Amino acid sequence: MKLAAASKGNDLLEVTESMSAKASSRLESMTKDAMAKVSRVQFILFVTIAATFIAGLWMAAHLTRSLTRPVETLVNATRAIASGHYGYSVAIRIKTEFGELAEHFNAMSSELQEGHERLQAEIAERRQAEEAMRISEERYALSAQGANDGLWDWNLVETGYIIAEMEGHAWLR
């Protein structure tokens, strides 16, 4: 009996060893599969992180460019106006605050140009009037010197003798 029990014990031990070997083999196979899946997930995660980083860099560059270009354009335009190009206009046609700022800048630039032109015309008129006054004063001085007569001037406005002026005629009291 001892021998039969030992034989049965050996059989049970062999079955247990066989089951343990199969379980170990299966566990090893499942571990390899799990590690392969983890490797794939790590690769996917790495690719996702890299793609997100690249997309973030692209987005940052795009946003920076979309902000700095209009600002740079407006700064250059203000420099042009500061250097005397009063009619300088900006060609920003976007529907953002920069587009609105560009529209207002162009309106301001146009007004500056028109005001500058009006001022230049007024300066030219004043110079012509000053030149005409200078010539008239010279002619008056020459005629006064050449007349050899006495001249007198009576300011009727200061003495209160003018009651009213109508169409260039003064009415005296």
C-alpha atoms as a PDB file:
ATOM      1  CA  MET A   1       0.000   0.000   0.000  1.00  0.00           C
ATOM      2  CA  LYS A   2       2.774   2.239   0.756  1.00  0.00           C
ATOM      3  CA  LEU A   3       3.985   1.632  -2.676  1.00  0.00           C
ATOM      4  CA  ALA A   4       0.598   2.346  -4.215  1.00  0.00           C
ATOM      5  CA  ALA A   5       0.276   5.507  -2.136  1.00  0.00           C
ATOM      6  CA  ALA A   6       3.759   6.575  -3.130  1.00  0.00           C
ATOM      7  CA  SER A   7       2.889   5.850  -6.761  1.00  0.00           C
ATOM      8  CA  LYS A   8      -0.308   7.843  -6.459  1.00  0.00           C
ATOM      9  CA  GLY A   9       1.660  10.634  -4.720  1.00  0.00           C
ATOM     10  CA  ASN A  10       4.192  10.565  -7.559  1.00  0.00           C
ATOM     11  CA  ASP A  11       1.364  10.646 -10.119  1.00  0.00           C
ATOM     12  CA  LEU A  12      -0.218  13.576  -8.297  1.00  0.00           C
ATOM     13  CA  LEU A  13       3.154  15.253  -8.113  1.00  0.00           C
ATOM     14  CA  GLU A  14       3.672  14.778 -11.862  1.00  0.00           C
ATOM     15  CA  VAL A  15       0.187  16.135 -12.622  1.00  0.00           C
ATOM     16  CA  THR A  16       0.840  19.072 -10.293  1.00  0.00           C
ATOM     17  CA  GLU A  17       4.200  19.716 -11.927  1.00  0.00           C
ATOM     18  CA  SER A  18       2.603  19.444 -15.370  1.00  0.00           C
ATOM     19  CA  MET A  19      -0.182  21.826 -14.356  1.00  0.00           C
ATOM     20  CA  SER A  20       2.364  24.188 -12.804  1.00  0.00           C
ATOM     21  CA  ALA A  21       4.489  24.063 -15.988  1.00  0.00           C
ATOM     22  CA  LYS A  22       1.409  24.718 -18.140  1.00  0.00           C
ATOM     23  CA  ALA A  23       0.301  27.554 -15.830  1.00  0.00           C
ATOM     24  CA  SER A  24       3.830  28.973 -15.836  1.00  0.00           C
ATOM     25  CA  SER A  25       3.976  28.706 -19.641  1.00  0.00           C
ATOM     26  CA  ARG A  26       0.553  30.281 -19.952  1.00  0.00           C
ATOM     27  CA  LEU A  27       1.487  33.027 -17.482  1.00  0.00           C
ATOM     28  CA  GLU A  28       4.670  33.674 -19.454  1.00  0.00           C
ATOM     29  CA  SER A  29       2.673  33.881 -22.698  1.00  0.00           C
ATOM     30  CA  MET A  30       0.128  36.222 -21.117  1.00  0.00           C
ATOM     31  CA  THR A  31       2.952  38.346 -19.691  1.00  0.00           C
ATOM     32  CA  LYS A  32       4.562  38.587 -23.140  1.00  0.00           C
ATOM     33  CA  ASP A  33       1.183  39.581 -24.639  1.00  0.00           C
ATOM     34  CA  ALA A  34       0.616  42.141 -21.887  1.00  0.00           C
ATOM     35  CA  MET A  35       4.130  43.558 -22.322  1.00  0.00           C
ATOM     36  CA  ALA A  36       3.581  43.762 -26.102  1.00  0.00           C
ATOM     37  CA  LYS A  37       0.349  45.650 -25.460  1.00  0.00           C
ATOM     38  CA  VAL A  38       2.120  47.935 -22.958  1.00  0.00           C
ATOM     39  CA  SER A  39       4.854  48.575 -25.549  1.00  0.00           C
ATOM     40  CA  ARG A  40       2.220  49.440 -28.155  1.00  0.00           C
ATOM     41  CA  VAL A  41       0.445  51.748 -25.702  1.00  0.00           C
ATOM     42  CA  GLN A  42       3.792  53.371 -24.812  1.00  0.00           C
ATOM     43  CA  PHE A  43       4.515  53.895 -28.523  1.00  0.00           C
ATOM     44  CA  ILE A  44       1.038  55.345 -29.101  1.00  0.00           C
ATOM     45  CA  LEU A  45       1.479  57.586 -26.044  1.00  0.00           C
ATOM     46  CA  PHE A  46       4.892  58.752 -27.256  1.00  0.00           C
ATOM     47  CA  VAL A  47       3.551  59.465 -30.749  1.00  0.00           C
ATOM     48  CA  THR A  48       0.566  61.302 -29.245  1.00  0.00           C
ATOM     49  CA  ILE A  49       2.823  63.406 -27.011  1.00  0.00           C
ATOM     50  CA  ALA A  50       5.160  64.173 -29.912  1.00  0.00           C
ATOM     51  CA  ALA A  51       2.243  65.069 -32.215  1.00  0.00           C
ATOM     52  CA  THR A  52       0.698  67.255 -29.493  1.00  0.00           C
ATOM     53  CA  PHE A  53       4.035  68.998 -28.930  1.00  0.00           C
ATOM     54  CA  ILE A  54       4.495  69.614 -32.662  1.00  0.00           C
ATOM     55  CA  ALA A  55       0.906  70.814 -33.027  1.00  0.00           C
ATOM     56  CA  GLY A  56       1.399  73.089 -29.998  1.00  0.00           C
ATOM     57  CA  LEU A  57       4.544  74.567 -31.525  1.00  0.00           C
ATOM     58  CA  TRP A  58       2.783  75.105 -34.843  1.00  0.00           C
ATOM     59  CA  MET A  59      -0.212  76.697 -33.096  1.00  0.00           C
ATOM     60  CA  ALA A  60       2.045  78.959 -31.017  1.00  0.00           C
ATOM     61  CA  ALA A  61       3.950  80.045 -34.133  1.00  0.00           C
ATOM     62  CA  HIS A  62       0.706  80.633 -36.026  1.00  0.00           C
ATOM     63  CA  LEU A  63      -0.847  82.661 -33.198  1.00  0.00           C
ATOM     64  CA  THR A  64       2.347  84.635 -32.704  1.00  0.00           C
ATOM     65  CA  ARG A  65       2.510  85.394 -36.424  1.00  0.00           C
ATOM     66  CA  SER A  66      -1.166  86.328 -36.555  1.00  0.00           C
ATOM     67  CA  LEU A  67      -0.622  88.772 -33.685  1.00  0.00           C
ATOM     68  CA  THR A  68       2.773  90.184 -34.593  1.00  0.00           C
ATOM     69  CA  ARG A  69       2.153  90.793 -38.304  1.00  0.00           C
ATOM     70  CA  PRO A  70      -0.730  93.250 -37.817  1.00  0.00           C
ATOM     71  CA  VAL A  71       1.087  94.958 -34.959  1.00  0.00           C
ATOM     72  CA  GLU A  72       4.251  95.230 -37.054  1.00  0.00           C
ATOM     73  CA  THR A  73       2.214  96.610 -39.973  1.00  0.00           C
ATOM     74  CA  LEU A  74       0.605  99.237 -37.730  1.00  0.00           C
ATOM     75  CA  VAL A  75       3.955 100.180 -36.178  1.00  0.00           C
ATOM     76  CA  ASN A  76       5.488 100.618 -39.638  1.00  0.00           C
ATOM     77  CA  ALA A  77       2.490 102.735 -40.644  1.00  0.00           C
ATOM     78  CA  THR A  78       2.919 104.999 -37.618  1.00  0.00           C
ATOM     79  CA  ARG A  79       6.591 105.343 -38.499  1.00  0.00           C
ATOM     80  CA  ALA A  80       5.622 106.344 -42.043  1.00  0.00           C
ATOM     81  CA  ILE A  81       3.236 109.005 -40.735  1.00  0.00           C
ATOM     82  CA  ALA A  82       5.851 110.234 -38.247  1.00  0.00           C
ATOM     83  CA  SER A  83       8.289 110.668 -41.131  1.00  0.00           C
ATOM     84  CA  GLY A  84       5.814 112.840 -43.064  1.00  0.00           C
ATOM     85  CA  HIS A  85       3.872 110.374 -45.239  1.00  0.00           C
ATOM     86  CA  TYR A  86       0.499 111.604 -43.938  1.00  0.00           C
ATOM     87  CA  GLY A  87      -1.698 109.701 -46.393  1.00  0.00           C
ATOM     88  CA  TYR A  88      -0.158 106.309 -45.596  1.00  0.00           C
ATOM     89  CA  SER A  89      -2.780 103.579 -45.309  1.00  0.00           C
ATOM     90  CA  VAL A  90      -2.745 100.054 -43.946  1.00  0.00           C
ATOM     91  CA  ALA A  91      -4.070  97.074 -45.895  1.00  0.00           C
ATOM     92  CA  ILE A  92      -5.355  94.836 -43.094  1.00  0.00           C
ATOM     93  CA  ARG A  93      -8.676  93.277 -44.097  1.00  0.00           C
ATOM     94  CA  ILE A  94      -9.394  90.983 -41.170  1.00  0.00           C
ATOM     95  CA  LYS A  95     -12.505  90.922 -38.997  1.00  0.00           C
ATOM     96  CA  THR A  96     -10.710  91.332 -35.674  1.00  0.00           C
ATOM     97  CA  GLU A  97      -9.755  94.201 -33.435  1.00  0.00           C
ATOM     98  CA  PHE A  98      -6.685  94.670 -35.640  1.00  0.00           C
ATOM     99  CA  GLY A  99      -8.911  95.140 -38.674  1.00  0.00           C
ATOM    100  CA  GLU A 100     -10.980  97.718 -36.819  1.00  0.00           C
ATOM    101  CA  LEU A 101      -7.810  99.434 -35.619  1.00  0.00           C
ATOM    102  CA  ALA A 102      -6.507  99.495 -39.203  1.00  0.00           C
ATOM    103  CA  GLU A 103      -9.759 101.072 -40.442  1.00  0.00           C
ATOM    104  CA  HIS A 104      -9.539 103.787 -37.786  1.00  0.00           C
ATOM    105  CA  PHE A 105      -5.858 104.280 -38.551  1.00  0.00           C
ATOM    106  CA  ASN A 106      -6.619 104.730 -42.255  1.00  0.00           C
ATOM    107  CA  ALA A 107      -9.369 107.267 -41.457  1.00  0.00           C
ATOM    108  CA  MET A 108      -6.987 109.149 -39.162  1.00  0.00           C
ATOM    109  CA  SER A 109      -4.251 109.054 -41.780  1.00  0.00           C
ATOM    110  CA  SER A 110      -6.625 110.391 -44.428  1.00  0.00           C
ATOM    111  CA  GLU A 111      -7.718 113.219 -42.111  1.00  0.00           C
ATOM    112  CA  LEU A 112      -4.071 114.024 -41.386  1.00  0.00           C
ATOM    113  CA  GLN A 113      -3.338 114.153 -45.120  1.00  0.00           C
ATOM    114  CA  GLU A 114      -6.307 116.445 -45.803  1.00  0.00           C
ATOM    115  CA  GLY A 115      -5.443 118.665 -42.834  1.00  0.00           C
ATOM    116  CA  HIS A 116      -1.828 118.844 -43.964  1.00  0.00           C
ATOM    117  CA  GLU A 117      -2.898 119.822 -47.478  1.00  0.00           C
ATOM    118  CA  ARG A 118      -5.259 122.506 -46.087  1.00  0.00           C
ATOM    119  CA  LEU A 119      -2.491 123.804 -43.863  1.00  0.00           C
ATOM    120  CA  GLN A 120      -0.040 123.896 -46.774  1.00  0.00           C
ATOM    121  CA  ALA A 121      -2.589 125.809 -48.877  1.00  0.00           C
ATOM    122  CA  GLU A 122      -3.192 128.270 -46.032  1.00  0.00           C
ATOM    123  CA  ILE A 123       0.558 128.761 -45.576  1.00  0.00           C
ATOM    124  CA  ALA A 124       0.917 129.427 -49.310  1.00  0.00           C
ATOM    125  CA  GLU A 125      -1.965 131.934 -49.189  1.00  0.00           C
ATOM    126  CA  ARG A 126      -0.439 133.685 -46.188  1.00  0.00           C
ATOM    127  CA  ARG A 127       2.940 133.857 -47.884  1.00  0.00           C
ATOM    128  CA  GLN A 128       1.290 135.379 -50.958  1.00  0.00           C
ATOM    129  CA  ALA A 129      -0.584 137.850 -48.749  1.00  0.00           C
ATOM    130  CA  GLU A 130       2.618 138.711 -46.883  1.00  0.00           C
ATOM    131  CA  GLU A 131       4.449 139.214 -50.168  1.00  0.00           C
ATOM    132  CA  ALA A 132       1.622 141.384 -51.495  1.00  0.00           C
ATOM    133  CA  MET A 133       1.654 143.384 -48.222  1.00  0.00           C
ATOM    134  CA  ARG A 134       5.414 143.817 -48.434  1.00  0.00           C
ATOM    135  CA  ILE A 135       5.142 145.055 -52.031  1.00  0.00           C
ATOM    136  CA  SER A 136       2.285 147.389 -51.084  1.00  0.00           C
ATOM    137  CA  GLU A 137       4.252 148.770 -48.156  1.00  0.00           C
ATOM    138  CA  GLU A 138       7.258 149.324 -50.418  1.00  0.00           C
ATOM    139  CA  ARG A 139       5.087 151.126 -52.968  1.00  0.00           C
ATOM    140  CA  TYR A 140       3.482 153.233 -50.230  1.00  0.00           C
ATOM    141  CA  ALA A 141       6.913 154.140 -48.810  1.00  0.00           C
ATOM    142  CA  LEU A 142       8.175 155.050 -52.284  1.00  0.00           C
ATOM    143  CA  SER A 143       5.096 157.164 -53.052  1.00  0.00           C
ATOM    144  CA  ALA A 144       5.317 158.923 -49.671  1.00  0.00           C
ATOM    145  CA  GLN A 145       9.002 159.683 -50.247  1.00  0.00           C
ATOM    146  CA  GLY A 146       8.360 160.888 -53.790  1.00  0.00           C
ATOM    147  CA  ALA A 147       5.387 163.111 -52.923  1.00  0.00           C
ATOM    148  CA  ASN A 148       7.348 165.606 -50.820  1.00  0.00           C
ATOM    149  CA  ASP A 149       4.055 166.474 -49.182  1.00  0.00           C
ATOM    150  CA  GLY A 150       2.950 165.998 -45.636  1.00  0.00           C
ATOM    151  CA  LEU A 151       0.805 162.990 -44.871  1.00  0.00           C
ATOM    152  CA  TRP A 152      -1.644 162.546 -42.080  1.00  0.00           C
ATOM    153  CA  ASP A 153      -3.800 159.679 -40.943  1.00  0.00           C
ATOM    154  CA  TRP A 154      -6.977 159.919 -38.944  1.00  0.00           C
ATOM    155  CA  ASN A 155      -8.287 156.705 -37.367  1.00  0.00           C
ATOM    156  CA  LEU A 156     -12.034 157.193 -37.312  1.00  0.00           C
ATOM    157  CA  VAL A 157     -12.728 153.917 -35.531  1.00  0.00           C
ATOM    158  CA  GLU A 158     -10.642 154.802 -32.470  1.00  0.00           C
ATOM    159  CA  THR A 159     -12.093 158.318 -32.234  1.00  0.00           C
ATOM    160  CA  GLY A 160     -15.638 156.957 -32.292  1.00  0.00           C
ATOM    161  CA  TYR A 161     -16.734 158.805 -35.431  1.00  0.00           C
ATOM    162  CA  ILE A 162     -17.826 155.737 -37.356  1.00  0.00           C
ATOM    163  CA  ILE A 163     -21.383 154.720 -36.556  1.00  0.00           C
ATOM    164  CA  ALA A 164     -21.703 151.773 -38.848  1.00  0.00           C
ATOM    165  CA  GLU A 165     -20.095 150.133 -41.799  1.00  0.00           C
ATOM    166  CA  MET A 166     -22.258 148.838 -44.603  1.00  0.00           C
ATOM    167  CA  GLU A 167     -20.873 147.139 -47.666  1.00  0.00           C
ATOM    168  CA  GLY A 168     -17.513 148.827 -47.322  1.00  0.00           C
ATOM    169  CA  HIS A 169     -18.946 152.385 -46.739  1.00  0.00           C
ATOM    170  CA  ALA A 170     -18.513 154.054 -43.361  1.00  0.00           C
ATOM    171  CA  TRP A 171     -21.208 156.293 -42.016  1.00  0.00           C
ATOM    172  CA  LEU A 172     -19.850 159.152 -39.970  1.00  0.00           C
ATOM    173  CA  ARG A 173     -21.537 161.025 -37.155  1.00  0.00           C
END
